[in-house]
Each structure stands twice: as structure tokens, then as C-alpha cells.
C-alpha atoms as a PDB file:
ATOM      1  CA  MET A   1      29.647   3.122  15.234  1.00  0.00           C
ATOM      2  CA  VAL A   2      32.273   5.733  14.413  1.00  0.00           C
ATOM      3  CA  LYS A   3      35.852   4.564  14.972  1.00  0.00           C
ATOM      4  CA  THR A   4      37.902   7.208  16.751  1.00  0.00           C
ATOM      5  CA  ILE A   5      41.608   7.957  16.370  1.00  0.00           C
ATOM      6  CA  GLY A   6      42.027  11.154  18.286  1.00  0.00           C
ATOM      7  CA  GLY A   7      39.463  10.622  20.998  1.00  0.00           C
ATOM      8  CA  ALA A   8      35.769  11.274  21.605  1.00  0.00           C
ATOM      9  CA  ASP A   9      35.946  14.899  20.403  1.00  0.00           C
ATOM     10  CA  ILE A  10      36.783  13.790  16.856  1.00  0.00           C
ATOM     11  CA  ALA A  11      33.931  11.268  16.936  1.00  0.00           C
ATOM     12  CA  LYS A  12      31.462  13.978  17.932  1.00  0.00           C
ATOM     13  CA  LYS A  13      32.656  16.231  15.098  1.00  0.00           C
ATOM     14  CA  VAL A  14      32.281  13.421  12.557  1.00  0.00           C
ATOM     15  CA  GLU A  15      28.785  12.552  13.767  1.00  0.00           C
ATOM     16  CA  SER A  16      27.701  16.200  13.626  1.00  0.00           C
ATOM     17  CA  VAL A  17      28.578  16.584   9.935  1.00  0.00           C
ATOM     18  CA  PRO A  18      25.326  16.469   7.925  1.00  0.00           C
ATOM     19  CA  LEU A  19      25.081  13.894   5.148  1.00  0.00           C
ATOM     20  CA  SER A  20      24.625  15.066   1.579  1.00  0.00           C
ATOM     21  CA  ASP A  21      21.632  14.059  -0.518  1.00  0.00           C
ATOM     22  CA  SER A  22      23.761  11.692  -2.589  1.00  0.00           C
ATOM     23  CA  SER A  23      25.146  10.012   0.544  1.00  0.00           C
ATOM     24  CA  ILE A  24      21.656   9.481   1.955  1.00  0.00           C
ATOM     25  CA  LYS A  25      20.427   8.108  -1.382  1.00  0.00           C
ATOM     26  CA  ARG A  26      23.408   5.765  -1.619  1.00  0.00           C
ATOM     27  CA  ARG A  27      22.793   4.418   1.869  1.00  0.00           C
ATOM     28  CA  ILE A  28      19.092   3.909   1.179  1.00  0.00           C
ATOM     29  CA  ASP A  29      19.944   2.035  -2.033  1.00  0.00           C
ATOM     30  CA  LEU A  30      22.439  -0.176  -0.194  1.00  0.00           C
ATOM     31  CA  ILE A  31      19.918  -0.979   2.536  1.00  0.00           C
ATOM     32  CA  SER A  32      17.260  -1.754  -0.082  1.00  0.00           C
ATOM     33  CA  GLU A  33      19.628  -4.056  -1.994  1.00  0.00           C
ATOM     34  CA  ASP A  34      20.543  -5.892   1.199  1.00  0.00           C
ATOM     35  CA  ILE A  35      16.895  -6.389   2.194  1.00  0.00           C
ATOM     36  CA  LEU A  36      16.061  -7.684  -1.285  1.00  0.00           C
ATOM     37  CA  ALA A  37      19.044 -10.056  -1.222  1.00  0.00           C
ATOM     38  CA  GLN A  38      17.899 -11.499   2.107  1.00  0.00           C
ATOM     39  CA  LEU A  39      14.363 -11.936   0.738  1.00  0.00           C
ATOM     40  CA  ILE A  40      15.609 -13.742  -2.392  1.00  0.00           C
ATOM     41  CA  VAL A  41      17.631 -16.128  -0.221  1.00  0.00           C
ATOM     42  CA  ALA A  42      14.536 -16.823   1.890  1.00  0.00           C
ATOM     43  CA  LEU A  43      12.421 -17.478  -1.228  1.00  0.00           C
ATOM     44  CA  LYS A  44      14.942 -19.940  -2.635  1.00  0.00           C
ATOM     45  CA  LYS A  45      15.161 -21.680   0.719  1.00  0.00           C
ATOM     46  CA  SER A  46      11.376 -21.935   0.938  1.00  0.00           C
ATOM     47  CA  GLY A  47      11.108 -23.304  -2.590  1.00  0.00           C
ATOM     48  CA  LYS A  48       7.479 -22.328  -3.170  1.00  0.00           C
ATOM     49  CA  PHE A  49       5.859 -18.889  -3.172  1.00  0.00           C
ATOM     50  CA  SER A  50       2.783 -16.976  -4.305  1.00  0.00           C
ATOM     51  CA  LEU A  51       2.547 -13.489  -5.802  1.00  0.00           C
ATOM     52  CA  GLN A  52       0.139 -10.571  -5.561  1.00  0.00           C
ATOM     53  CA  THR A  53       0.279  -7.860  -8.227  1.00  0.00           C
ATOM     54  CA  ASP A  54      -1.235  -4.406  -8.509  1.00  0.00           C
ATOM     55  CA  GLU A  55      -0.708  -1.796 -11.201  1.00  0.00           C
ATOM     56  CA  SER A  56      -1.277   1.765 -10.027  1.00  0.00           C
ATOM     57  CA  VAL A  57      -0.456   5.346 -11.011  1.00  0.00           C
ATOM     58  CA  ASP A  58       1.671   7.552  -8.759  1.00  0.00           C
ATOM     59  CA  ILE A  59       1.442  11.312  -8.191  1.00  0.00           C
ATOM     60  CA  SER A  60       3.467  12.005 -11.349  1.00  0.00           C
ATOM     61  CA  VAL A  61       0.954   9.992 -13.442  1.00  0.00           C
ATOM     62  CA  SER A  62       3.559   7.278 -13.986  1.00  0.00           C
ATOM     63  CA  PRO A  63       2.254   3.668 -13.931  1.00  0.00           C
ATOM     64  CA  GLN A  64       3.937   1.490 -11.303  1.00  0.00           C
ATOM     65  CA  LEU A  65       3.772  -2.266 -10.872  1.00  0.00           C
ATOM     66  CA  MET A  66       3.822  -3.356  -7.228  1.00  0.00           C
ATOM     67  CA  VAL A  67       4.378  -7.012  -6.367  1.00  0.00           C
ATOM     68  CA  PHE A  68       4.056  -8.715  -2.982  1.00  0.00           C
ATOM     69  CA  VAL A  69       5.190 -12.238  -2.202  1.00  0.00           C
ATOM     70  CA  ARG A  70       4.067 -14.855   0.321  1.00  0.00           C
ATOM     71  CA  TYR A  71       6.237 -17.806   1.278  1.00  0.00           C
ATOM     72  CA  LYS A  72       6.857 -20.273   4.089  1.00  0.00           C
ATOM     73  CA  GLY A  73       9.394 -18.949   6.577  1.00  0.00           C
ATOM     74  CA  GLU A  74      11.179 -20.780   9.334  1.00  0.00           C
ATOM     75  CA  GLU A  75       8.278 -20.432  11.775  1.00  0.00           C
ATOM     76  CA  ASP A  76       5.277 -19.026   9.898  1.00  0.00           C
ATOM     77  CA  ILE A  77       3.931 -17.869   6.529  1.00  0.00           C
ATOM     78  CA  ASN A  78       5.618 -14.577   5.652  1.00  0.00           C
ATOM     79  CA  GLU A  79       4.325 -11.757   3.460  1.00  0.00           C
ATOM     80  CA  GLU A  80       6.835  -9.265   2.052  1.00  0.00           C
ATOM     81  CA  PHE A  81       7.000  -6.453  -0.466  1.00  0.00           C
ATOM     82  CA  LEU A  82       8.961  -7.857  -3.416  1.00  0.00           C
ATOM     83  CA  PHE A  83       9.497  -4.930  -5.787  1.00  0.00           C
ATOM     84  CA  CYS A  84       7.976  -1.837  -7.391  1.00  0.00           C
ATOM     85  CA  ASN A  85       9.036  -0.975 -10.947  1.00  0.00           C
ATOM     86  CA  ALA A  86       7.755   1.600 -13.410  1.00  0.00           C
ATOM     87  CA  LEU A  87       6.001   0.619 -16.619  1.00  0.00           C
ATOM     88  CA  SER A  88       7.764   2.843 -19.123  1.00  0.00           C
ATOM     89  CA  THR A  89       5.107   2.932 -21.880  1.00  0.00           C
ATOM     90  CA  THR A  90       1.912   0.900 -22.008  1.00  0.00           C
ATOM     91  CA  THR A  91       0.342  -1.140 -19.205  1.00  0.00           C
ATOM     92  CA  THR A  92      -0.830  -4.201 -21.116  1.00  0.00           C
ATOM     93  CA  GLY A  93      -0.757  -7.716 -19.740  1.00  0.00           C
ATOM     94  CA  GLU A  94       2.288  -8.395 -21.904  1.00  0.00           C
ATOM     95  CA  ASP A  95       4.162  -5.444 -20.367  1.00  0.00           C
ATOM     96  CA  ILE A  96       3.298  -6.540 -16.829  1.00  0.00           C
ATOM     97  CA  PHE A  97       4.355 -10.121 -17.509  1.00  0.00           C
ATOM     98  CA  ASN A  98       7.655  -9.095 -19.141  1.00  0.00           C
ATOM     99  CA  LEU A  99       8.523  -6.849 -16.197  1.00  0.00           C
ATOM    100  CA  MET A 100       7.837  -9.573 -13.652  1.00  0.00           C
ATOM    101  CA  ASN A 101       9.420 -12.306 -15.763  1.00  0.00           C
ATOM    102  CA  ASN A 102      12.643 -10.289 -16.110  1.00  0.00           C
ATOM    103  CA  PHE A 103      12.738  -9.809 -12.339  1.00  0.00           C
ATOM    104  CA  LEU A 104      12.354 -13.537 -11.675  1.00  0.00           C
ATOM    105  CA  LYS A 105      15.019 -14.416 -14.250  1.00  0.00           C
ATOM    106  CA  LYS A 106      17.421 -11.864 -12.792  1.00  0.00           C
ATOM    107  CA  HIS A 107      17.165 -13.471  -9.363  1.00  0.00           C
ATOM    108  CA  ASP A 108      17.019 -17.113 -10.546  1.00  0.00           C
ATOM    109  CA  LEU A 109      13.419 -17.683  -9.469  1.00  0.00           C
ATOM    110  CA  ASP A 110      11.309 -20.169 -11.431  1.00  0.00           C
ATOM    111  CA  TRP A 111       7.652 -19.758 -12.400  1.00  0.00           C
ATOM    112  CA  LEU A 112       7.187 -23.483 -11.690  1.00  0.00           C
ATOM    113  CA  ASN A 113       7.664 -22.708  -7.983  1.00  0.00           C
ATOM    114  CA  CYS A 114       4.850 -20.138  -8.046  1.00  0.00           C
ATOM    115  CA  LEU A 115       1.751 -21.681  -6.455  1.00  0.00           C
ATOM    116  CA  ALA A 116      -0.716 -18.805  -6.904  1.00  0.00           C
ATOM    117  CA  VAL A 117      -1.067 -15.316  -8.372  1.00  0.00           C
ATOM    118  CA  CYS A 118      -3.503 -12.738  -6.982  1.00  0.00           C
ATOM    119  CA  THR A 119      -4.667  -9.925  -9.291  1.00  0.00           C
ATOM    120  CA  ASP A 120      -7.276  -7.143  -9.291  1.00  0.00           C
ATOM    121  CA  GLY A 121      -9.300  -8.725 -12.117  1.00  0.00           C
ATOM    122  CA  ALA A 122      -8.558  -5.954 -14.642  1.00  0.00           C
ATOM    123  CA  PRO A 123      -8.749  -6.849 -18.380  1.00  0.00           C
ATOM    124  CA  SER A 124      -4.977  -6.441 -18.759  1.00  0.00           C
ATOM    125  CA  MET A 125      -4.555  -9.030 -16.027  1.00  0.00           C
ATOM    126  CA  MET A 126      -7.306 -11.501 -16.930  1.00  0.00           C
ATOM    127  CA  GLY A 127      -7.231 -11.442 -20.752  1.00  0.00           C
ATOM    128  CA  HIS A 128      -7.493 -14.973 -22.178  1.00  0.00           C
ATOM    129  CA  GLN A 129      -4.897 -14.451 -24.922  1.00  0.00           C
ATOM    130  CA  LEU A 130      -2.620 -11.499 -24.128  1.00  0.00           C
ATOM    131  CA  GLY A 131      -3.433 -10.969 -20.456  1.00  0.00           C
ATOM    132  CA  PHE A 132      -0.912 -11.346 -17.666  1.00  0.00           C
ATOM    133  CA  VAL A 133      -2.628 -14.482 -16.351  1.00  0.00           C
ATOM    134  CA  ALA A 134      -2.551 -16.145 -19.778  1.00  0.00           C
ATOM    135  CA  ARG A 135       1.208 -15.577 -20.043  1.00  0.00           C
ATOM    136  CA  VAL A 136       1.749 -16.949 -16.532  1.00  0.00           C
ATOM    137  CA  LYS A 137      -0.268 -20.056 -17.451  1.00  0.00           C
ATOM    138  CA  GLU A 138       2.144 -20.616 -20.333  1.00  0.00           C
ATOM    139  CA  LYS A 139       4.965 -20.867 -17.804  1.00  0.00           C
ATOM    140  CA  ASN A 140       3.082 -22.815 -15.139  1.00  0.00           C
ATOM    141  CA  LEU A 141      -0.216 -24.453 -16.039  1.00  0.00           C
ATOM    142  CA  ASP A 142      -0.930 -25.454 -12.428  1.00  0.00           C
ATOM    143  CA  VAL A 143      -0.738 -21.941 -10.935  1.00  0.00           C
ATOM    144  CA  VAL A 144      -3.893 -20.869  -9.060  1.00  0.00           C
ATOM    145  CA  ILE A 145      -5.359 -17.478 -10.038  1.00  0.00           C
ATOM    146  CA  ILE A 146      -7.102 -15.516  -7.265  1.00  0.00           C
ATOM    147  CA  HIS A 147      -9.148 -12.312  -7.500  1.00  0.00           C
ATOM    148  CA  CYS A 148      -8.059  -9.821  -4.794  1.00  0.00           C
ATOM    149  CA  PHE A 149     -10.750  -9.723  -2.098  1.00  0.00           C
ATOM    150  CA  LEU A 150     -10.252  -5.976  -1.468  1.00  0.00           C
ATOM    151  CA  HIS A 151     -11.342  -5.203  -5.013  1.00  0.00           C
ATOM    152  CA  ARG A 152     -14.274  -7.581  -4.607  1.00  0.00           C
ATOM    153  CA  GLU A 153     -15.342  -5.660  -1.520  1.00  0.00           C
ATOM    154  CA  ASN A 154     -15.104  -2.431  -3.480  1.00  0.00           C
ATOM    155  CA  LEU A 155     -17.340  -3.844  -6.216  1.00  0.00           C
ATOM    156  CA  VAL A 156     -19.875  -5.061  -3.642  1.00  0.00           C
ATOM    157  CA  SER A 157     -19.969  -1.672  -1.910  1.00  0.00           C
ATOM    158  CA  ARG A 158     -21.050   0.040  -5.139  1.00  0.00           C
ATOM    159  CA  ARG A 159     -24.354  -1.825  -4.973  1.00  0.00           C
ATOM    160  CA  LEU A 160     -25.364  -0.456  -1.569  1.00  0.00           C
ATOM    161  CA  GLN A 161     -28.817   1.071  -1.244  1.00  0.00           C
ATOM    162  CA  PRO A 162     -29.096   4.802  -2.118  1.00  0.00           C
ATOM    163  CA  ASP A 163     -30.093   5.811   1.409  1.00  0.00           C
ATOM    164  CA  LEU A 164     -26.962   4.128   2.813  1.00  0.00           C
ATOM    165  CA  HIS A 165     -24.815   5.918   0.230  1.00  0.00           C
ATOM    166  CA  ALA A 166     -26.384   9.220   1.264  1.00  0.00           C
ATOM    167  CA  VAL A 167     -25.408   8.660   4.907  1.00  0.00           C
ATOM    168  CA  LEU A 168     -21.876   7.738   3.882  1.00  0.00           C
ATOM    169  CA  ASN A 169     -21.529  10.795   1.637  1.00  0.00           C
ATOM    170  CA  ASP A 170     -22.682  13.090   4.460  1.00  0.00           C
ATOM    171  CA  ALA A 171     -20.121  11.513   6.774  1.00  0.00           C
ATOM    172  CA  ILE A 172     -17.355  11.997   4.182  1.00  0.00           C
ATOM    173  CA  GLN A 173     -18.278  15.679   3.801  1.00  0.00           C
ATOM    174  CA  ILE A 174     -18.045  16.162   7.564  1.00  0.00           C
ATOM    175  CA  VAL A 175     -14.623  14.507   7.677  1.00  0.00           C
ATOM    176  CA  ASN A 176     -13.375  16.546   4.729  1.00  0.00           C
ATOM    177  CA  PHE A 177     -14.601  19.801   6.301  1.00  0.00           C
ATOM    178  CA  VAL A 178     -12.680  19.118   9.515  1.00  0.00           C
ATOM    179  CA  LYS A 179      -9.510  17.713   7.940  1.00  0.00           C
ATOM    180  CA  ALA A 180      -9.259  19.711   4.696  1.00  0.00           C
ATOM    181  CA  ARG A 181      -7.693  22.734   6.450  1.00  0.00           C
ATOM    182  CA  ALA A 182      -4.969  22.561   9.068  1.00  0.00           C
ATOM    183  CA  LEU A 183      -6.673  25.207  11.222  1.00  0.00           C
ATOM    184  CA  ASN A 184      -9.943  23.274  11.363  1.00  0.00           C
ATOM    185  CA  SER A 185      -8.103  20.087  12.236  1.00  0.00           C
ATOM    186  CA  HIS A 186      -6.052  21.724  15.017  1.00  0.00           C
ATOM    187  CA  ILE A 187      -9.110  23.399  16.534  1.00  0.00           C
ATOM    188  CA  PHE A 188     -11.033  20.113  16.461  1.00  0.00           C
ATOM    189  CA  GLN A 189      -8.157  18.250  18.153  1.00  0.00           C
ATOM    190  CA  LYS A 190      -7.872  20.921  20.851  1.00  0.00           C
ATOM    191  CA  MET A 191     -11.594  20.833  21.514  1.00  0.00           C
ATOM    192  CA  CYS A 192     -11.554  17.026  21.823  1.00  0.00           C
ATOM    193  CA  GLU A 193      -8.703  17.286  24.359  1.00  0.00           C
ATOM    194  CA  GLU A 194     -10.612  19.871  26.429  1.00  0.00           C
ATOM    195  CA  MET A 195     -13.766  17.726  26.376  1.00  0.00           C
ATOM    196  CA  GLY A 196     -11.829  14.639  27.446  1.00  0.00           C
ATOM    197  CA  SER A 197     -12.761  12.671  24.329  1.00  0.00           C
ATOM    198  CA  HIS A 198     -11.391   9.188  23.815  1.00  0.00           C
ATOM    199  CA  HIS A 199     -10.397  10.123  20.240  1.00  0.00           C
ATOM    200  CA  LYS A 200      -8.874  13.389  19.054  1.00  0.00           C
ATOM    201  CA  ASP A 201      -9.189  13.041  15.298  1.00  0.00           C
ATOM    202  CA  LEU A 202     -11.454  11.773  12.533  1.00  0.00           C
ATOM    203  CA  LEU A 203     -10.514   9.073  10.040  1.00  0.00           C
ATOM    204  CA  PHE A 204     -10.131   9.517   6.304  1.00  0.00           C
ATOM    205  CA  HIS A 205     -12.242   7.385   3.990  1.00  0.00           C
ATOM    206  CA  SER A 206     -10.456   4.984   1.604  1.00  0.00           C
ATOM    207  CA  ASP A 207     -12.413   4.292  -1.564  1.00  0.00           C
ATOM    208  CA  VAL A 208     -10.572   1.030  -2.312  1.00  0.00           C
ATOM    209  CA  HIS A 209     -10.692  -0.704   1.052  1.00  0.00           C
ATOM    210  CA  TRP A 210     -14.388  -0.343   1.810  1.00  0.00           C
ATOM    211  CA  LEU A 211     -14.062  -1.722   5.348  1.00  0.00           C
ATOM    212  CA  SER A 212     -12.721   1.717   6.286  1.00  0.00           C
ATOM    213  CA  ARG A 213     -16.225   3.057   5.756  1.00  0.00           C
ATOM    214  CA  GLY A 214     -17.439   1.276   8.843  1.00  0.00           C
ATOM    215  CA  LYS A 215     -14.497   2.646  10.803  1.00  0.00           C
ATOM    216  CA  ILE A 216     -15.071   6.279   9.827  1.00  0.00           C
ATOM    217  CA  LEU A 217     -18.787   5.990  10.571  1.00  0.00           C
ATOM    218  CA  GLY A 218     -18.019   4.459  13.939  1.00  0.00           C
ATOM    219  CA  ARG A 219     -15.563   7.267  14.751  1.00  0.00           C
ATOM    220  CA  ILE A 220     -18.144   9.919  13.778  1.00  0.00           C
ATOM    221  CA  ILE A 221     -20.727   8.310  16.081  1.00  0.00           C
ATOM    222  CA  GLU A 222     -18.218   8.295  18.956  1.00  0.00           C
ATOM    223  CA  LEU A 223     -17.407  11.981  18.323  1.00  0.00           C
ATOM    224  CA  ARG A 224     -20.947  13.098  17.456  1.00  0.00           C
ATOM    225  CA  THR A 225     -21.052  15.514  20.399  1.00  0.00           C
ATOM    226  CA  GLU A 226     -17.782  17.158  19.395  1.00  0.00           C
ATOM    227  CA  ILE A 227     -18.822  17.381  15.728  1.00  0.00           C
ATOM    228  CA  SER A 228     -22.171  19.044  16.484  1.00  0.00           C
ATOM    229  CA  PHE A 229     -20.460  22.280  17.601  1.00  0.00           C
ATOM    230  CA  GLU A 230     -19.890  23.504  14.033  1.00  0.00           C
ATOM    231  CA  LYS A 231     -22.788  25.699  12.777  1.00  0.00           C
ATOM    232  CA  LYS A 232     -21.234  27.072   9.585  1.00  0.00           C
ATOM    233  CA  HIS A 233     -21.194  23.743   7.773  1.00  0.00           C
ATOM    234  CA  ALA A 234     -24.174  22.952   5.545  1.00  0.00           C
ATOM    235  CA  LEU A 235     -24.661  19.583   7.231  1.00  0.00           C
ATOM    236  CA  ALA A 236     -24.839  21.037  10.743  1.00  0.00           C
ATOM    237  CA  GLY A 237     -28.232  20.987  12.380  1.00  0.00           C
END
């Protein structure tokens, strides 16, 4: 709340002044630091925790290591985003371990308190000698290693029958045709409103989380009447 000296008029003038980019960035950084500090306190209070790691590439083709943490809170098991740091050069298991190990040391967290580590099963993670898991085992021999179930689902989905893949690919093409251009999407939403449809939009398909495939197929079935209007598309009957 703004503290006023000369009355409400001064407060309104202060609140109306736009913040600069640097001021917004500084406030975001301060909020982020405070949230992280609260999370570290909660982890130390809990004593034990488990980690989930994922190495991915952002839009600028820069590798990023994302880490999530699970711990026992005051009332329930909590899951929080721990940190996301860039991997400056290579993305080997050694690099991933060093990045995470430095983070834990910085915040006085011990590997011996880590109960489990969940990874995507990549060679850099699961290598027996130089992999991330091997280095973690050197710090805590009793840690449980878990393969992320989302990646398992993705591997299972690749073995679907060809005819099922064909249906899915047709559905993806329909979704892309409607949502690829803003005009098509707006016209489709307007038409759904005029027809009194329960839904007004289609769902995008996520190639990693394969459960979304069932959702997009279900949405297409529910909107099959609205989708059948388009005659220019190659898939239209």
C-alpha cells in the first residue's frame, strides 16, 4: 500500500506512474528469492525429500535443467518447482550432477536426506559410470531411482497399431487446420457459440504426455457436427 503524505491525490499520482523494465525485473527477482527461501526452510524442516529432474531445450536452443521437489509438509505431501538453471556447455550426466550438487550445497541440503530421484531414463541420466544416477549413488547409496511414468507412457504409445495411429494423425491435422490460423480459430469459436455447443475450442495434442491424445479425440467426437462444416480441408467428407 502506498503511504501518503499530502493526501489521496498524491497516492493516485504515484500509483499511476508506470514501472520501468528494470523495476519490474527487480521485483520479480525479489519475489522469486523469497519463494525459494520459504521452500528451503520447508525442506529443512521436513528433513527428507525426493527430486524429479528433466533436461530440456528452450526456444533459444539453450539446454535447461528443471528440478521439482516433493516433501512432507505440515498437512500433506507437497510438490514444488525447485529451480531451473541453464547448462552452459554440454549436457552430460556429470554436468547435470554438478549443477544440482552446487545448488544443494549452496542451500545446505544434504544428499543423504534425498529418498528418491525421478529421471526420464536418458543415457546421460542412467549411465552406470558417468551418468547422473551413478554420481548420486556415490553420495547416497540408498536413494531410490524411478523412471518418469510420463516418458514410459510416451514409449508405450509409439507401439500402437498403425490403424490407430492413422486415426490420431487425422485428428491432429483437423486440430491444426482449425487452430493454426487466428481467423480459422475465431470463426470456429463463433460458430460453436451460435450452435450452442458445450465446448468452443479444440485441444492441442501433446506428444510427451500421451494421455492428451484421448482428450483431443474425445473433444473432436463431441464437436464432430461443428467440424463437419469445413469442405475445403482434405479430410472433410
